[in-house]
Amino acid sequence: MFVNEFEMRKLMCEIGKRVYNRGMVAANDGNFSYKIGPNEILCTPTGVSKGFMTPNMICKIDMKGNILQSDGVHKPSSEIKMHLRVYECREDVNSVVHAHPMYATAYAIAGIPLDKQIMPEATIFLGQVPIAPYGLPSTMEIPDAIEPYFATHDAVLLESHGALTWGVDLMAAYFKMEGLEFYAELSYRAQMLGGAKELPAHEVKRLLDLRKAFNVPGKHPCIEIEGLCTKSEGTSCTHDSNCSNRVCAGEDKAPKASKATSNSSQEELIARITREVLNQLKK
């Protein structure tokens, strides 16, 4: 696949502005990367506000974190280790985004996973967002903590830290972060109104069927038809007897997405699914 590296650098700067302007990071927080070849990764620099990056600041490294190219001033993010672990374990992933969005990070600090099925889009694209155990930033503790979730998730909260999302390209990874924060804010606001009304199990299954029909790329904690985590309905779960999650751990069987998935096709896919969900809800 041909990749215009300069255009990718510009896109990373644009995403940096979006992340910064939406309040998903403060000061020099956050980092993201884009895998442009088997052993070439573009990554954001350390010690620079993501809202004020320029293309020359973006560093190029290999899969071991060695610098392949830089402007001689800026160095790769000190947290690139968790990005590299994602790439090592997920061949379908070409981009990783780390940020500290306000509501999602609040859940991570409070130790509350986002595991309630309260809106169709969150169910289709995220399913649930677990909390990875705390790890010291910039060390191998975080990569070790998040690795168990790679087979079933495309997003995790980092205990007392922030959030991490990944996808087939930079826009896909970023949209997951944006969707995660929207999900977290809705969860919080619904709680202030007395608590969210969860979607019934059969509607959750229909949404997951819709996801498979559209061949949404990535992994998803799939529904176990015979074992939904809904103790009130007298069903069992693949976790333990105390599990209260509606979505059980499992791997999506949808085919892997091609690296050539374009930003426009990602946006079109999201729009198509949203329209379909709205049509289904009107019936």
Protein backbone atom coordinates (compact mmCIF):
# COMPACT_ATOMS: atom_id res chain seq x y z
CA MET A 1 0.00 0.00 0.00
CA PHE A 2 1.37 3.41 -0.99
CA VAL A 3 1.32 5.92 1.85
CA ASN A 4 2.01 9.61 1.33
CA GLU A 5 4.10 10.14 4.43
CA PHE A 6 3.89 13.91 4.41
CA GLU A 7 0.09 13.78 4.18
CA MET A 8 0.06 11.37 7.13
CA ARG A 9 2.20 13.78 9.13
CA LYS A 10 -0.24 16.59 8.34
CA LEU A 11 -3.17 14.39 9.34
CA MET A 12 -1.51 13.60 12.67
CA CYS A 13 -1.16 17.33 13.30
CA GLU A 14 -4.84 17.82 12.43
CA ILE A 15 -5.89 15.06 14.83
CA GLY A 16 -3.66 16.65 17.45
CA LYS A 17 -5.62 19.88 17.09
CA ARG A 18 -8.93 18.03 17.36
CA VAL A 19 -7.83 16.18 20.49
CA TYR A 20 -6.51 19.39 22.07
CA ASN A 21 -9.48 21.60 21.12
CA ARG A 22 -11.97 19.04 22.42
CA GLY A 23 -10.25 19.06 25.83
CA MET A 24 -9.14 15.43 25.56
CA VAL A 25 -5.64 16.41 26.67
CA ALA A 26 -4.01 19.17 28.71
CA ALA A 27 -0.62 20.77 28.15
CA ASN A 28 1.67 18.16 26.53
CA ASP A 29 -0.46 15.12 27.39
CA GLY A 30 -1.49 12.38 24.97
CA ASN A 31 0.21 10.62 22.09
CA PHE A 32 -0.70 8.74 18.94
CA SER A 33 0.97 6.83 16.16
CA TYR A 34 0.44 5.54 12.62
CA LYS A 35 2.05 2.42 11.17
CA ILE A 36 3.00 3.25 7.58
CA GLY A 37 4.99 0.11 6.79
CA PRO A 38 6.03 -3.28 8.20
CA ASN A 39 8.80 -1.63 10.22
CA GLU A 40 7.98 2.08 10.03
CA ILE A 41 5.82 4.00 12.47
CA LEU A 42 5.10 7.70 12.68
CA CYS A 43 4.59 8.91 16.25
CA THR A 44 3.98 12.17 18.07
CA PRO A 45 6.88 13.83 19.87
CA THR A 46 7.31 14.01 23.62
CA GLY A 47 7.10 17.34 25.42
CA VAL A 48 4.97 19.03 22.76
CA SER A 49 1.33 20.09 22.96
CA LYS A 50 -0.68 18.02 20.52
CA GLY A 51 -2.57 21.15 19.51
CA PHE A 52 0.56 22.89 18.23
CA MET A 53 2.47 20.21 16.33
CA THR A 54 3.94 20.69 12.87
CA PRO A 55 4.75 17.90 10.39
CA ASN A 56 8.50 18.13 10.97
CA MET A 57 8.00 17.36 14.68
CA ILE A 58 6.55 13.92 13.93
CA CYS A 59 9.14 11.18 14.51
CA LYS A 60 9.63 7.96 12.60
CA ILE A 61 10.62 4.82 14.51
CA ASP A 62 10.87 1.08 13.90
CA MET A 63 8.95 -1.72 15.62
CA LYS A 64 11.52 -1.80 18.41
CA GLY A 65 11.26 1.90 19.11
CA ASN A 66 14.54 2.90 17.47
CA ILE A 67 14.51 6.33 15.83
CA LEU A 68 14.63 6.14 12.04
CA GLN A 69 14.04 9.82 11.38
CA SER A 70 13.55 13.04 13.35
CA ASP A 71 14.30 16.73 13.01
CA GLY A 72 17.13 16.40 15.51
CA VAL A 73 15.19 18.29 18.16
CA HIS A 74 12.13 16.23 18.96
CA LYS A 75 12.08 12.69 20.34
CA PRO A 76 9.31 10.02 20.21
CA SER A 77 6.70 9.92 22.94
CA SER A 78 7.96 8.22 26.08
CA GLU A 79 4.77 6.14 26.08
CA ILE A 80 5.35 4.61 22.65
CA LYS A 81 5.88 1.21 24.32
CA MET A 82 2.14 0.61 24.65
CA HIS A 83 1.64 1.50 20.98
CA LEU A 84 4.30 -0.98 19.91
CA ARG A 85 2.68 -3.73 21.98
CA VAL A 86 -0.63 -3.17 20.17
CA TYR A 87 1.09 -3.41 16.77
CA GLU A 88 2.96 -6.55 17.81
CA CYS A 89 -0.24 -8.33 18.86
CA ARG A 90 -2.76 -6.96 16.34
CA GLU A 91 -1.76 -7.24 12.67
CA ASP A 92 -5.00 -5.52 11.63
CA VAL A 93 -4.17 -2.37 13.58
CA ASN A 94 -2.34 0.55 11.94
CA SER A 95 -2.97 3.35 14.41
CA VAL A 96 -3.14 3.90 18.18
CA VAL A 97 -4.46 6.93 20.07
CA HIS A 98 -3.87 7.74 23.73
CA ALA A 99 -5.60 10.66 25.43
CA HIS A 100 -7.07 11.84 28.73
CA PRO A 101 -10.68 12.72 27.82
CA MET A 102 -12.43 14.22 30.83
CA TYR A 103 -15.37 11.86 31.39
CA ALA A 104 -13.67 8.65 30.31
CA THR A 105 -10.67 9.44 32.51
CA ALA A 106 -13.00 10.19 35.41
CA TYR A 107 -14.39 6.65 35.08
CA ALA A 108 -10.84 5.29 34.92
CA ILE A 109 -9.91 7.19 38.09
CA ALA A 110 -13.07 6.05 39.86
CA GLY A 111 -12.41 2.45 38.83
CA ILE A 112 -15.74 2.14 37.00
CA PRO A 113 -15.71 0.33 33.63
CA LEU A 114 -18.04 1.45 30.85
CA ASP A 115 -19.96 -1.80 30.55
CA LYS A 116 -23.59 -0.74 30.28
CA GLN A 117 -25.45 -1.12 26.98
CA ILE A 118 -27.24 2.22 26.88
CA MET A 119 -27.02 3.44 23.28
CA PRO A 120 -26.88 1.64 19.91
CA GLU A 121 -23.71 3.26 18.56
CA ALA A 122 -21.68 2.47 21.67
CA THR A 123 -22.89 -1.13 21.61
CA ILE A 124 -22.02 -1.57 17.93
CA PHE A 125 -18.61 0.09 17.89
CA LEU A 126 -17.31 -0.52 21.44
CA GLY A 127 -19.49 -3.09 23.20
CA GLN A 128 -17.92 -2.28 26.52
CA VAL A 129 -14.74 -0.59 27.68
CA PRO A 130 -12.89 -2.37 30.51
CA ILE A 131 -10.29 -0.90 32.86
CA ALA A 132 -6.74 -2.19 32.49
CA PRO A 133 -4.83 -2.42 35.81
CA TYR A 134 -2.63 0.51 36.77
CA GLY A 135 0.84 0.67 35.29
CA LEU A 136 3.60 3.23 35.70
CA PRO A 137 3.57 5.51 32.63
CA SER A 138 6.47 5.13 30.18
CA THR A 139 7.31 1.65 31.48
CA MET A 140 6.50 -1.87 30.29
CA GLU A 141 3.85 -2.11 33.02
CA ILE A 142 1.17 -0.54 30.83
CA PRO A 143 1.81 -2.72 27.75
CA ASP A 144 1.63 -5.78 30.01
CA ALA A 145 -1.61 -4.52 31.57
CA ILE A 146 -3.43 -3.88 28.29
CA GLU A 147 -2.32 -6.94 26.32
CA PRO A 148 -5.03 -9.28 27.73
CA TYR A 149 -7.71 -7.09 26.09
CA PHE A 150 -6.34 -7.12 22.53
CA ALA A 151 -8.23 -10.23 21.42
CA THR A 152 -11.63 -8.82 22.31
CA HIS A 153 -11.51 -5.03 22.46
CA ASP A 154 -10.47 -1.96 20.49
CA ALA A 155 -10.55 0.40 23.49
CA VAL A 156 -9.56 0.31 27.15
CA LEU A 157 -9.53 2.67 30.08
CA LEU A 158 -6.18 2.91 31.85
CA GLU A 159 -6.64 2.84 35.61
CA SER A 160 -5.97 6.31 37.11
CA HIS A 161 -4.52 7.45 33.79
CA GLY A 162 -6.69 7.88 30.68
CA ALA A 163 -7.83 5.89 27.66
CA LEU A 164 -6.32 4.01 24.72
CA THR A 165 -7.96 3.14 21.40
CA TRP A 166 -6.72 1.50 18.22
CA GLY A 167 -7.98 0.90 14.68
CA VAL A 168 -7.26 0.17 11.02
CA ASP A 169 -6.16 3.78 10.45
CA LEU A 170 -5.73 7.03 12.33
CA MET A 171 -9.28 8.27 11.80
CA ALA A 172 -10.71 4.95 12.96
CA ALA A 173 -8.62 5.02 16.14
CA TYR A 174 -9.49 8.67 16.76
CA PHE A 175 -13.22 8.13 16.18
CA LYS A 176 -13.14 5.34 18.76
CA MET A 177 -11.63 7.77 21.27
CA GLU A 178 -14.25 10.40 20.44
CA GLY A 179 -17.04 7.81 20.67
CA LEU A 180 -15.65 6.51 23.96
CA GLU A 181 -15.71 9.98 25.49
CA PHE A 182 -19.28 10.60 24.26
CA TYR A 183 -20.34 7.25 25.76
CA ALA A 184 -18.69 8.16 29.07
CA GLU A 185 -20.33 11.58 29.21
CA LEU A 186 -23.76 10.14 28.45
CA SER A 187 -23.27 7.52 31.15
CA TYR A 188 -22.36 10.21 33.66
CA ARG A 189 -25.25 12.51 32.77
CA ALA A 190 -27.75 9.65 32.78
CA GLN A 191 -26.52 8.72 36.25
CA MET A 192 -27.30 12.26 37.40
CA LEU A 193 -30.87 11.71 36.15
CA GLY A 194 -31.30 8.56 38.19
CA GLY A 195 -29.47 6.02 36.07
CA ALA A 196 -29.47 4.90 32.46
CA LYS A 197 -32.10 2.54 31.09
CA GLU A 198 -30.17 -0.35 29.58
CA LEU A 199 -31.02 -1.96 26.28
CA PRO A 200 -32.63 -5.40 26.70
CA ALA A 201 -30.50 -8.43 25.82
CA HIS A 202 -32.39 -9.23 22.61
CA GLU A 203 -31.83 -5.69 21.31
CA VAL A 204 -28.12 -5.95 22.12
CA LYS A 205 -27.95 -9.12 20.03
CA ARG A 206 -29.71 -7.43 17.12
CA LEU A 207 -27.18 -4.60 17.24
CA LEU A 208 -24.28 -7.06 17.23
CA ASP A 209 -25.86 -8.84 14.26
CA LEU A 210 -26.02 -5.49 12.52
CA ARG A 211 -22.32 -4.92 13.23
CA LYS A 212 -21.45 -8.26 11.64
CA ALA A 213 -23.66 -7.55 8.64
CA PHE A 214 -21.73 -4.36 7.97
CA ASN A 215 -18.37 -6.11 8.49
CA VAL A 216 -17.17 -3.45 10.91
CA PRO A 217 -13.38 -3.90 11.24
CA GLY A 218 -11.69 -4.66 14.53
CA LYS A 219 -12.47 -6.77 17.58
CA HIS A 220 -15.54 -6.68 19.79
CA PRO A 221 -16.59 -8.38 23.03
CA CYS A 222 -19.27 -10.45 21.30
CA ILE A 223 -22.59 -11.64 22.66
CA GLU A 224 -22.73 -15.20 23.97
CA ILE A 225 -26.29 -16.11 22.94
CA GLU A 226 -26.62 -18.84 25.55
CA GLY A 227 -24.77 -16.96 28.24
CA LEU A 228 -25.54 -13.28 28.38
CA CYS A 229 -24.27 -11.62 31.55
CA THR A 230 -27.79 -10.89 32.77
CA LYS A 231 -28.25 -12.73 36.04
CA SER A 232 -31.77 -11.37 36.40
CA GLU A 233 -32.77 -13.45 33.39
CA GLY A 234 -31.33 -16.59 34.93
CA THR A 235 -28.54 -17.01 32.40
CA SER A 236 -24.93 -17.92 32.93
CA CYS A 237 -21.80 -16.10 31.87
CA THR A 238 -18.37 -16.89 30.51
CA HIS A 239 -16.88 -14.82 33.33
CA ASP A 240 -17.80 -15.74 36.93
CA SER A 241 -21.04 -16.00 38.86
CA ASN A 242 -20.74 -12.39 40.09
CA CYS A 243 -20.29 -10.84 36.66
CA SER A 244 -22.77 -8.06 35.92
CA ASN A 245 -21.63 -7.18 32.42
CA ARG A 246 -24.09 -7.61 29.56
CA VAL A 247 -21.40 -8.31 27.00
CA CYS A 248 -19.23 -11.37 27.47
CA ALA A 249 -15.68 -11.77 26.29
CA GLY A 250 -15.33 -13.23 22.82
CA GLU A 251 -13.78 -12.56 19.43
CA ASP A 252 -15.57 -11.03 16.51
CA LYS A 253 -15.57 -13.39 13.52
CA ALA A 254 -15.76 -10.60 10.95
CA PRO A 255 -12.91 -10.66 8.43
CA LYS A 256 -9.90 -8.47 9.02
CA ALA A 257 -10.01 -5.09 7.35
CA SER A 258 -7.58 -4.13 4.67
CA LYS A 259 -5.00 -1.46 5.41
CA ALA A 260 -6.44 0.38 2.46
CA THR A 261 -9.61 1.28 4.40
CA SER A 262 -9.98 5.00 3.73
CA ASN A 263 -11.05 7.78 6.07
CA SER A 264 -14.11 8.48 3.92
CA SER A 265 -15.18 4.82 3.99
CA GLN A 266 -14.89 4.80 7.77
CA GLU A 267 -17.13 7.84 8.04
CA GLU A 268 -19.58 6.39 5.51
CA LEU A 269 -19.74 3.12 7.45
CA ILE A 270 -20.54 4.93 10.69
CA ALA A 271 -23.23 6.97 8.94
CA ARG A 272 -24.78 3.87 7.34
CA ILE A 273 -24.95 1.99 10.61
CA THR A 274 -26.40 4.99 12.43
CA ARG A 275 -29.15 5.30 9.81
CA GLU A 276 -29.91 1.60 10.05
CA VAL A 277 -30.06 1.72 13.84
CA LEU A 278 -32.49 4.65 13.73
CA ASN A 279 -34.67 2.80 11.19
CA GLN A 280 -34.73 -0.29 13.40
CA LEU A 281 -35.70 1.74 16.46
CA LYS A 282 -38.64 3.30 14.60
CA LYS A 283 -40.18 -0.12 13.89
